[in-house]
C-alpha cells in the first residue's frame, strides 16, 4: 500500500471541527462503510471467480486498501470525538447492513458490473477530494491528509476497474445507451440505504433516542450545501464520461446534462 494509516499522527487534528455536526455523521458513516468493504469484496471475488487475475487484485490490493480507509477514518473519529462509542455503533450498523450485501444487487454482466464499480469509485474519489478542500478551508491538516490519500487510492481503483471493463467489453460490446443506463442507474443509488443505516446507528448510539426520518433528511441537506461549494464537478464528469469514448463535440453537449444530473441528485 502507498501509505499506512498507523503512520498518521491523529493527535495533530484541529479539534475545532468537532463542532461541525454533519461532518461527524459524514466521517463516521464513511468509516463504517469503508471498513466493511471485505463483505463486498467477497461478493466481487465470487462474481469474477473465473478470472483469477481480477480476483487476485481484489483480494490483495482493493480490499486491503478499502478496509484501511475505514480504519483510518475510525481512528480519526475516535481521536476527535473521543466520547462517541464507535464500536457499539458499528455493531448496530453491521446487524442491519450485512444482510443486504448480496450478489443480487450486482449488474447482470461482467462489463456492466465493472461500469457500476467505476461509478462508485467516481463517487468516493470526488467525495474525498471535496472533503480535502473543505479541510483546507478549516485548517485541519490530519483529515485533509487522509482525504487526499484516500482520494488518490480511489482514482487508482477506478482506473483498474476501467481496464477490466475494457477487457470484458471486448466480448459484450455494450452500446452507448447500455453504458449510459448503467451509469444513470448506479448514480441513482448515491443516496443509498447503507448511508441511512449508518446514520441511524450513529444517531441512536450517540443520543439514546429512536431514529426519525426527518433527522436524516436534514443531514442530507447539510451535506448537499457542503457539496455544492466543494464538490469537484469537472473531475466527476470526466470520470463518468470516460467509458463512453465521446468525441469532443458530443462531450461538450453531454457535460451540461451530467452536471445538471449530479446537482439534481444533491451532489
C-alpha atoms as a PDB file:
ATOM      1  CA  UNK A   1       0.000   0.000   0.000  1.00  0.00           C
ATOM      2  CA  UNK A   2       1.146   3.521  -0.797  1.00  0.00           C
ATOM      3  CA  UNK A   3       0.512   4.748   2.751  1.00  0.00           C
ATOM      4  CA  UNK A   4      -0.284   3.308   6.177  1.00  0.00           C
ATOM      5  CA  UNK A   5      -2.974   4.663   8.471  1.00  0.00           C
ATOM      6  CA  UNK A   6      -0.795   3.867  11.504  1.00  0.00           C
ATOM      7  CA  UNK A   7       1.748   6.461  10.361  1.00  0.00           C
ATOM      8  CA  UNK A   8      -0.759   9.304  10.775  1.00  0.00           C
ATOM      9  CA  UNK A   9      -0.470  11.437  13.927  1.00  0.00           C
ATOM     10  CA  UNK A  10      -4.158  11.848  14.765  1.00  0.00           C
ATOM     11  CA  UNK A  11      -3.330  13.969  17.828  1.00  0.00           C
ATOM     12  CA  UNK A  12      -2.459  16.845  15.477  1.00  0.00           C
ATOM     13  CA  UNK A  13      -6.072  17.173  14.303  1.00  0.00           C
ATOM     14  CA  UNK A  14      -7.663  20.605  14.679  1.00  0.00           C
ATOM     15  CA  UNK A  15     -10.283  19.729  17.297  1.00  0.00           C
ATOM     16  CA  UNK A  16     -12.391  22.762  16.359  1.00  0.00           C
ATOM     17  CA  UNK A  17     -14.027  20.638  13.635  1.00  0.00           C
ATOM     18  CA  UNK A  18     -15.618  18.638  16.469  1.00  0.00           C
ATOM     19  CA  UNK A  19     -18.455  21.173  16.477  1.00  0.00           C
ATOM     20  CA  UNK A  20     -19.361  20.545  12.817  1.00  0.00           C
ATOM     21  CA  UNK A  21     -22.209  18.102  13.392  1.00  0.00           C
ATOM     22  CA  UNK A  22     -22.804  16.958   9.812  1.00  0.00           C
ATOM     23  CA  UNK A  23     -19.061  16.249   9.468  1.00  0.00           C
ATOM     24  CA  UNK A  24     -19.205  13.874  12.434  1.00  0.00           C
ATOM     25  CA  UNK A  25     -22.016  11.878  10.811  1.00  0.00           C
ATOM     26  CA  UNK A  26     -20.364  12.018   7.393  1.00  0.00           C
ATOM     27  CA  UNK A  27     -16.953  10.754   8.538  1.00  0.00           C
ATOM     28  CA  UNK A  28     -18.325   8.147  10.920  1.00  0.00           C
ATOM     29  CA  UNK A  29     -20.695   6.786   8.264  1.00  0.00           C
ATOM     30  CA  UNK A  30     -17.823   6.598   5.780  1.00  0.00           C
ATOM     31  CA  UNK A  31     -15.685   4.733   8.317  1.00  0.00           C
ATOM     32  CA  UNK A  32     -18.444   2.120   8.805  1.00  0.00           C
ATOM     33  CA  UNK A  33     -19.000   1.543   5.083  1.00  0.00           C
ATOM     34  CA  UNK A  34     -15.302   1.504   4.140  1.00  0.00           C
ATOM     35  CA  UNK A  35     -14.241  -0.852   6.918  1.00  0.00           C
ATOM     36  CA  UNK A  36     -16.956  -3.311   5.884  1.00  0.00           C
ATOM     37  CA  UNK A  37     -15.619  -3.472   2.299  1.00  0.00           C
ATOM     38  CA  UNK A  38     -14.404  -7.004   2.984  1.00  0.00           C
ATOM     39  CA  UNK A  39     -18.011  -8.199   2.715  1.00  0.00           C
ATOM     40  CA  UNK A  40     -18.447  -6.588  -0.688  1.00  0.00           C
ATOM     41  CA  UNK A  41     -15.020  -7.823  -1.766  1.00  0.00           C
ATOM     42  CA  UNK A  42     -16.054 -11.429  -1.106  1.00  0.00           C
ATOM     43  CA  UNK A  43     -19.092 -10.956  -3.332  1.00  0.00           C
ATOM     44  CA  UNK A  44     -16.991  -9.391  -6.103  1.00  0.00           C
ATOM     45  CA  UNK A  45     -14.475 -12.224  -5.886  1.00  0.00           C
ATOM     46  CA  UNK A  46     -17.291 -14.742  -6.199  1.00  0.00           C
ATOM     47  CA  UNK A  47     -18.773 -12.863  -9.185  1.00  0.00           C
ATOM     48  CA  UNK A  48     -15.422 -12.828 -11.028  1.00  0.00           C
ATOM     49  CA  UNK A  49     -14.145 -16.205  -9.819  1.00  0.00           C
ATOM     50  CA  UNK A  50     -13.441 -17.374 -13.388  1.00  0.00           C
ATOM     51  CA  UNK A  51     -10.901 -14.546 -13.778  1.00  0.00           C
ATOM     52  CA  UNK A  52      -8.040 -15.125 -11.305  1.00  0.00           C
ATOM     53  CA  UNK A  53      -6.077 -12.025 -12.343  1.00  0.00           C
ATOM     54  CA  UNK A  54      -9.027  -9.889 -11.240  1.00  0.00           C
ATOM     55  CA  UNK A  55      -9.843 -11.800  -8.061  1.00  0.00           C
ATOM     56  CA  UNK A  56      -6.174 -11.708  -7.029  1.00  0.00           C
ATOM     57  CA  UNK A  57      -6.096  -7.911  -7.357  1.00  0.00           C
ATOM     58  CA  UNK A  58      -9.395  -7.580  -5.497  1.00  0.00           C
ATOM     59  CA  UNK A  59      -8.130  -9.749  -2.666  1.00  0.00           C
ATOM     60  CA  UNK A  60      -4.559  -8.466  -2.410  1.00  0.00           C
ATOM     61  CA  UNK A  61      -4.985  -4.761  -3.254  1.00  0.00           C
ATOM     62  CA  UNK A  62      -8.531  -3.430  -3.462  1.00  0.00           C
ATOM     63  CA  UNK A  63      -9.922  -4.995  -0.288  1.00  0.00           C
ATOM     64  CA  UNK A  64      -6.936  -4.117   1.980  1.00  0.00           C
ATOM     65  CA  UNK A  65      -6.875  -0.527   0.708  1.00  0.00           C
ATOM     66  CA  UNK A  66     -10.623  -0.037   1.147  1.00  0.00           C
ATOM     67  CA  UNK A  67     -10.560  -1.520   4.646  1.00  0.00           C
ATOM     68  CA  UNK A  68      -7.589   0.705   5.510  1.00  0.00           C
ATOM     69  CA  UNK A  69      -9.679   3.734   4.573  1.00  0.00           C
ATOM     70  CA  UNK A  70     -12.232   2.653   7.158  1.00  0.00           C
ATOM     71  CA  UNK A  71      -9.584   2.042   9.803  1.00  0.00           C
ATOM     72  CA  UNK A  72      -8.015   5.451   9.197  1.00  0.00           C
ATOM     73  CA  UNK A  73     -11.369   7.210   9.491  1.00  0.00           C
ATOM     74  CA  UNK A  74     -12.227   5.161  12.594  1.00  0.00           C
ATOM     75  CA  UNK A  75      -9.027   6.344  14.277  1.00  0.00           C
ATOM     76  CA  UNK A  76      -9.847   9.915  13.306  1.00  0.00           C
ATOM     77  CA  UNK A  77     -13.353   9.693  14.782  1.00  0.00           C
ATOM     78  CA  UNK A  78     -12.016   8.147  17.984  1.00  0.00           C
ATOM     79  CA  UNK A  79      -9.453  10.926  18.261  1.00  0.00           C
ATOM     80  CA  UNK A  80     -11.703  13.924  17.550  1.00  0.00           C
ATOM     81  CA  UNK A  81     -14.998  12.624  19.002  1.00  0.00           C
ATOM     82  CA  UNK A  82     -13.419  10.566  21.763  1.00  0.00           C
ATOM     83  CA  UNK A  83     -16.630  10.321  23.819  1.00  0.00           C
ATOM     84  CA  UNK A  84     -18.501   8.527  20.999  1.00  0.00           C
ATOM     85  CA  UNK A  85     -18.924   4.751  21.222  1.00  0.00           C
ATOM     86  CA  UNK A  86     -17.687   3.908  17.710  1.00  0.00           C
ATOM     87  CA  UNK A  87     -17.528   0.164  18.345  1.00  0.00           C
ATOM     88  CA  UNK A  88     -21.049  -0.044  19.738  1.00  0.00           C
ATOM     89  CA  UNK A  89     -22.492   1.983  16.863  1.00  0.00           C
ATOM     90  CA  UNK A  90     -20.608  -0.124  14.328  1.00  0.00           C
ATOM     91  CA  UNK A  91     -22.058  -3.344  15.745  1.00  0.00           C
ATOM     92  CA  UNK A  92     -25.520  -1.817  15.434  1.00  0.00           C
ATOM     93  CA  UNK A  93     -24.745  -0.818  11.833  1.00  0.00           C
ATOM     94  CA  UNK A  94     -23.444  -4.274  10.864  1.00  0.00           C
ATOM     95  CA  UNK A  95     -26.535  -6.001  12.184  1.00  0.00           C
ATOM     96  CA  UNK A  96     -28.736  -4.155   9.709  1.00  0.00           C
ATOM     97  CA  UNK A  97     -26.287  -3.654   6.836  1.00  0.00           C
ATOM     98  CA  UNK A  98     -24.575  -7.008   6.270  1.00  0.00           C
ATOM     99  CA  UNK A  99     -27.792  -8.939   5.393  1.00  0.00           C
ATOM    100  CA  UNK A 100     -28.239  -6.511   2.469  1.00  0.00           C
ATOM    101  CA  UNK A 101     -24.808  -7.309   0.967  1.00  0.00           C
ATOM    102  CA  UNK A 102     -25.666  -9.984  -1.580  1.00  0.00           C
ATOM    103  CA  UNK A 103     -24.877 -10.820  -5.184  1.00  0.00           C
ATOM    104  CA  UNK A 104     -28.480  -9.913  -6.056  1.00  0.00           C
ATOM    105  CA  UNK A 105     -27.520  -6.216  -6.189  1.00  0.00           C
ATOM    106  CA  UNK A 106     -24.910  -6.794  -8.904  1.00  0.00           C
ATOM    107  CA  UNK A 107     -25.282  -5.941 -12.581  1.00  0.00           C
ATOM    108  CA  UNK A 108     -26.195  -8.884 -14.870  1.00  0.00           C
ATOM    109  CA  UNK A 109     -22.914  -8.972 -16.819  1.00  0.00           C
ATOM    110  CA  UNK A 110     -19.203  -8.695 -16.020  1.00  0.00           C
ATOM    111  CA  UNK A 111     -18.659  -5.498 -18.041  1.00  0.00           C
ATOM    112  CA  UNK A 112     -21.737  -3.803 -16.587  1.00  0.00           C
ATOM    113  CA  UNK A 113     -20.668  -4.590 -13.028  1.00  0.00           C
ATOM    114  CA  UNK A 114     -17.263  -3.061 -13.742  1.00  0.00           C
ATOM    115  CA  UNK A 115     -19.055   0.042 -15.006  1.00  0.00           C
ATOM    116  CA  UNK A 116     -21.046   0.176 -11.768  1.00  0.00           C
ATOM    117  CA  UNK A 117     -17.821  -0.118  -9.792  1.00  0.00           C
ATOM    118  CA  UNK A 118     -16.372   2.786 -11.795  1.00  0.00           C
ATOM    119  CA  UNK A 119     -19.359   4.952 -10.849  1.00  0.00           C
ATOM    120  CA  UNK A 120     -18.865   4.050  -7.175  1.00  0.00           C
ATOM    121  CA  UNK A 121     -15.156   4.885  -7.337  1.00  0.00           C
ATOM    122  CA  UNK A 122     -16.013   8.152  -9.081  1.00  0.00           C
ATOM    123  CA  UNK A 123     -18.310   8.988  -6.188  1.00  0.00           C
ATOM    124  CA  UNK A 124     -15.810   8.124  -3.477  1.00  0.00           C
ATOM    125  CA  UNK A 125     -12.766   9.740  -5.091  1.00  0.00           C
ATOM    126  CA  UNK A 126     -14.632  13.001  -5.693  1.00  0.00           C
ATOM    127  CA  UNK A 127     -16.228  12.940  -2.229  1.00  0.00           C
ATOM    128  CA  UNK A 128     -12.816  12.725  -0.576  1.00  0.00           C
ATOM    129  CA  UNK A 129     -11.456  15.415  -2.899  1.00  0.00           C
ATOM    130  CA  UNK A 130     -14.293  17.697  -1.743  1.00  0.00           C
ATOM    131  CA  UNK A 131     -13.524  16.804   1.858  1.00  0.00           C
ATOM    132  CA  UNK A 132      -9.855  17.632   1.304  1.00  0.00           C
ATOM    133  CA  UNK A 133     -10.848  21.107   0.055  1.00  0.00           C
ATOM    134  CA  UNK A 134     -13.196  21.599   2.994  1.00  0.00           C
ATOM    135  CA  UNK A 135     -10.477  20.667   5.491  1.00  0.00           C
ATOM    136  CA  UNK A 136      -8.078  23.074   3.822  1.00  0.00           C
ATOM    137  CA  UNK A 137     -10.603  25.849   4.492  1.00  0.00           C
ATOM    138  CA  UNK A 138     -10.987  24.679   8.093  1.00  0.00           C
ATOM    139  CA  UNK A 139      -7.211  24.432   8.556  1.00  0.00           C
ATOM    140  CA  UNK A 140      -7.485  20.810   9.656  1.00  0.00           C
ATOM    141  CA  UNK A 141      -4.317  19.039   8.409  1.00  0.00           C
ATOM    142  CA  UNK A 142      -4.997  15.460   9.526  1.00  0.00           C
ATOM    143  CA  UNK A 143      -8.337  14.893   7.806  1.00  0.00           C
ATOM    144  CA  UNK A 144      -7.019  16.834   4.832  1.00  0.00           C
ATOM    145  CA  UNK A 145      -4.124  14.378   4.530  1.00  0.00           C
ATOM    146  CA  UNK A 146      -6.385  11.354   5.000  1.00  0.00           C
ATOM    147  CA  UNK A 147      -8.835  12.641   2.391  1.00  0.00           C
ATOM    148  CA  UNK A 148      -6.017  13.262  -0.079  1.00  0.00           C
ATOM    149  CA  UNK A 149      -4.606   9.754   0.395  1.00  0.00           C
ATOM    150  CA  UNK A 150      -7.978   8.057   0.132  1.00  0.00           C
ATOM    151  CA  UNK A 151      -9.000  10.036  -2.959  1.00  0.00           C
ATOM    152  CA  UNK A 152      -5.789   9.012  -4.737  1.00  0.00           C
ATOM    153  CA  UNK A 153      -6.444   5.355  -3.876  1.00  0.00           C
ATOM    154  CA  UNK A 154      -9.992   5.580  -5.238  1.00  0.00           C
ATOM    155  CA  UNK A 155      -8.809   7.108  -8.522  1.00  0.00           C
ATOM    156  CA  UNK A 156      -6.353   4.224  -8.861  1.00  0.00           C
ATOM    157  CA  UNK A 157      -9.162   1.726  -8.198  1.00  0.00           C
ATOM    158  CA  UNK A 158     -11.288   3.467 -10.827  1.00  0.00           C
ATOM    159  CA  UNK A 159      -8.507   3.012 -13.408  1.00  0.00           C
ATOM    160  CA  UNK A 160      -8.172  -0.692 -12.608  1.00  0.00           C
ATOM    161  CA  UNK A 161     -11.923  -1.220 -12.913  1.00  0.00           C
ATOM    162  CA  UNK A 162     -11.839   0.662 -16.208  1.00  0.00           C
ATOM    163  CA  UNK A 163      -9.157  -1.687 -17.544  1.00  0.00           C
ATOM    164  CA  UNK A 164     -11.300  -4.661 -16.544  1.00  0.00           C
ATOM    165  CA  UNK A 165     -14.392  -3.083 -18.119  1.00  0.00           C
ATOM    166  CA  UNK A 166     -12.499  -2.673 -21.386  1.00  0.00           C
ATOM    167  CA  UNK A 167     -11.437  -6.319 -21.290  1.00  0.00           C
ATOM    168  CA  UNK A 168     -14.950  -7.645 -20.689  1.00  0.00           C
ATOM    169  CA  UNK A 169     -16.494  -5.229 -23.149  1.00  0.00           C
ATOM    170  CA  UNK A 170     -14.418  -6.623 -25.993  1.00  0.00           C
ATOM    171  CA  UNK A 171     -16.855  -9.533 -25.855  1.00  0.00           C
ATOM    172  CA  UNK A 172     -20.026  -7.844 -24.608  1.00  0.00           C
ATOM    173  CA  UNK A 173     -19.730  -4.812 -26.935  1.00  0.00           C
ATOM    174  CA  UNK A 174     -22.086  -2.604 -24.945  1.00  0.00           C
ATOM    175  CA  UNK A 175     -23.703   0.232 -26.846  1.00  0.00           C
ATOM    176  CA  UNK A 176     -23.550   3.792 -25.545  1.00  0.00           C
ATOM    177  CA  UNK A 177     -27.164   3.604 -24.430  1.00  0.00           C
ATOM    178  CA  UNK A 178     -26.359   0.493 -22.378  1.00  0.00           C
ATOM    179  CA  UNK A 179     -23.412   2.241 -20.768  1.00  0.00           C
ATOM    180  CA  UNK A 180     -25.430   5.389 -20.013  1.00  0.00           C
ATOM    181  CA  UNK A 181     -28.191   3.298 -18.409  1.00  0.00           C
ATOM    182  CA  UNK A 182     -25.763   1.541 -16.058  1.00  0.00           C
ATOM    183  CA  UNK A 183     -24.140   4.863 -15.115  1.00  0.00           C
ATOM    184  CA  UNK A 184     -27.514   6.531 -14.539  1.00  0.00           C
ATOM    185  CA  UNK A 185     -28.940   3.602 -12.547  1.00  0.00           C
ATOM    186  CA  UNK A 186     -25.857   3.484 -10.309  1.00  0.00           C
ATOM    187  CA  UNK A 187     -25.884   7.257  -9.814  1.00  0.00           C
ATOM    188  CA  UNK A 188     -29.449   6.993  -8.531  1.00  0.00           C
ATOM    189  CA  UNK A 189     -28.119   4.764  -5.749  1.00  0.00           C
ATOM    190  CA  UNK A 190     -25.857   7.553  -4.449  1.00  0.00           C
ATOM    191  CA  UNK A 191     -28.500   8.185  -1.801  1.00  0.00           C
ATOM    192  CA  UNK A 192     -28.100   4.554  -0.847  1.00  0.00           C
ATOM    193  CA  UNK A 193     -29.576   2.570   2.004  1.00  0.00           C
ATOM    194  CA  UNK A 194     -26.141   1.989   3.553  1.00  0.00           C
ATOM    195  CA  UNK A 195     -25.717   5.706   4.344  1.00  0.00           C
ATOM    196  CA  UNK A 196     -29.101   5.849   6.063  1.00  0.00           C
ATOM    197  CA  UNK A 197     -28.402   2.692   8.069  1.00  0.00           C
ATOM    198  CA  UNK A 198     -25.088   4.188   9.188  1.00  0.00           C
ATOM    199  CA  UNK A 199     -26.706   7.491  10.178  1.00  0.00           C
ATOM    200  CA  UNK A 200     -29.399   5.647  12.132  1.00  0.00           C
ATOM    201  CA  UNK A 201     -26.871   3.523  14.044  1.00  0.00           C
ATOM    202  CA  UNK A 202     -24.730   6.578  14.850  1.00  0.00           C
ATOM    203  CA  UNK A 203     -27.666   8.733  15.946  1.00  0.00           C
ATOM    204  CA  UNK A 204     -29.246   6.104  18.177  1.00  0.00           C
ATOM    205  CA  UNK A 205     -25.890   5.250  19.780  1.00  0.00           C
ATOM    206  CA  UNK A 206     -24.973   8.877  20.296  1.00  0.00           C
ATOM    207  CA  UNK A 207     -28.283  10.129  21.682  1.00  0.00           C
ATOM    208  CA  UNK A 208     -30.059   7.054  23.019  1.00  0.00           C
ATOM    209  CA  UNK A 209     -33.139   8.236  21.126  1.00  0.00           C
ATOM    210  CA  UNK A 210     -35.007   6.458  18.295  1.00  0.00           C
ATOM    211  CA  UNK A 211     -34.163   7.404  14.711  1.00  0.00           C
ATOM    212  CA  UNK A 212     -36.514   9.755  12.851  1.00  0.00           C
ATOM    213  CA  UNK A 213     -36.629  10.130   9.085  1.00  0.00           C
ATOM    214  CA  UNK A 214     -36.668  13.926   9.210  1.00  0.00           C
ATOM    215  CA  UNK A 215     -33.320  13.931  11.014  1.00  0.00           C
ATOM    216  CA  UNK A 216     -31.689  12.115   8.125  1.00  0.00           C
ATOM    217  CA  UNK A 217     -33.335  14.433   5.592  1.00  0.00           C
ATOM    218  CA  UNK A 218     -31.914  17.444   7.451  1.00  0.00           C
ATOM    219  CA  UNK A 219     -28.479  15.814   7.454  1.00  0.00           C
ATOM    220  CA  UNK A 220     -28.688  15.314   3.678  1.00  0.00           C
ATOM    221  CA  UNK A 221     -29.499  18.994   3.204  1.00  0.00           C
ATOM    222  CA  UNK A 222     -26.368  19.949   5.136  1.00  0.00           C
ATOM    223  CA  UNK A 223     -24.253  17.532   3.094  1.00  0.00           C
ATOM    224  CA  UNK A 224     -25.726  18.985  -0.096  1.00  0.00           C
ATOM    225  CA  UNK A 225     -24.722  22.516   0.955  1.00  0.00           C
ATOM    226  CA  UNK A 226     -21.184  21.291   1.600  1.00  0.00           C
ATOM    227  CA  UNK A 227     -21.076  19.505  -1.775  1.00  0.00           C
ATOM    228  CA  UNK A 228     -22.288  22.497  -3.764  1.00  0.00           C
ATOM    229  CA  UNK A 229     -19.346  24.532  -2.518  1.00  0.00           C
ATOM    230  CA  UNK A 230     -16.543  21.964  -2.556  1.00  0.00           C
ATOM    231  CA  UNK A 231     -17.506  19.151  -4.949  1.00  0.00           C
ATOM    232  CA  UNK A 232     -15.125  18.731  -7.967  1.00  0.00           C
ATOM    233  CA  UNK A 233     -17.764  18.552 -10.695  1.00  0.00           C
ATOM    234  CA  UNK A 234     -15.305  18.575 -13.595  1.00  0.00           C
ATOM    235  CA  UNK A 235     -13.393  15.637 -12.163  1.00  0.00           C
ATOM    236  CA  UNK A 236     -16.606  13.643 -11.687  1.00  0.00           C
ATOM    237  CA  UNK A 237     -17.865  14.417 -15.181  1.00  0.00           C
ATOM    238  CA  UNK A 238     -14.572  13.422 -16.785  1.00  0.00           C
ATOM    239  CA  UNK A 239     -14.602  10.073 -14.962  1.00  0.00           C
ATOM    240  CA  UNK A 240     -18.237   9.344 -15.769  1.00  0.00           C
ATOM    241  CA  UNK A 241     -17.789  10.169 -19.463  1.00  0.00           C
ATOM    242  CA  UNK A 242     -14.620   8.115 -19.975  1.00  0.00           C
ATOM    243  CA  UNK A 243     -16.258   4.750 -20.826  1.00  0.00           C
ATOM    244  CA  UNK A 244     -18.460   6.446 -23.444  1.00  0.00           C
ATOM    245  CA  UNK A 245     -15.419   7.483 -25.534  1.00  0.00           C
ATOM    246  CA  UNK A 246     -17.187  10.526 -26.914  1.00  0.00           C
ATOM    247  CA  UNK A 247     -15.677  12.831 -29.486  1.00  0.00           C
ATOM    248  CA  UNK A 248     -15.156  16.428 -28.385  1.00  0.00           C
ATOM    249  CA  UNK A 249     -18.390  17.733 -29.906  1.00  0.00           C
ATOM    250  CA  UNK A 250     -20.529  15.090 -28.222  1.00  0.00           C
ATOM    251  CA  UNK A 251     -18.678  15.584 -24.963  1.00  0.00           C
ATOM    252  CA  UNK A 252     -19.452  19.314 -24.990  1.00  0.00           C
ATOM    253  CA  UNK A 253     -23.159  18.500 -25.398  1.00  0.00           C
ATOM    254  CA  UNK A 254     -23.129  15.813 -22.702  1.00  0.00           C
ATOM    255  CA  UNK A 255     -21.215  17.641 -19.945  1.00  0.00           C
ATOM    256  CA  UNK A 256     -24.040  20.097 -19.023  1.00  0.00           C
ATOM    257  CA  UNK A 257     -26.545  17.226 -18.877  1.00  0.00           C
ATOM    258  CA  UNK A 258     -24.386  15.189 -16.495  1.00  0.00           C
ATOM    259  CA  UNK A 259     -23.565  18.228 -14.377  1.00  0.00           C
ATOM    260  CA  UNK A 260     -27.268  19.004 -14.087  1.00  0.00           C
ATOM    261  CA  UNK A 261     -27.967  15.397 -13.166  1.00  0.00           C
ATOM    262  CA  UNK A 262     -25.356  15.490 -10.416  1.00  0.00           C
ATOM    263  CA  UNK A 263     -26.936  18.620  -8.958  1.00  0.00           C
ATOM    264  CA  UNK A 264     -30.409  17.069  -9.070  1.00  0.00           C
ATOM    265  CA  UNK A 265     -29.021  14.101  -7.147  1.00  0.00           C
ATOM    266  CA  UNK A 266     -27.814  16.539  -4.492  1.00  0.00           C
ATOM    267  CA  UNK A 267     -24.121  16.304  -5.374  1.00  0.00           C
END
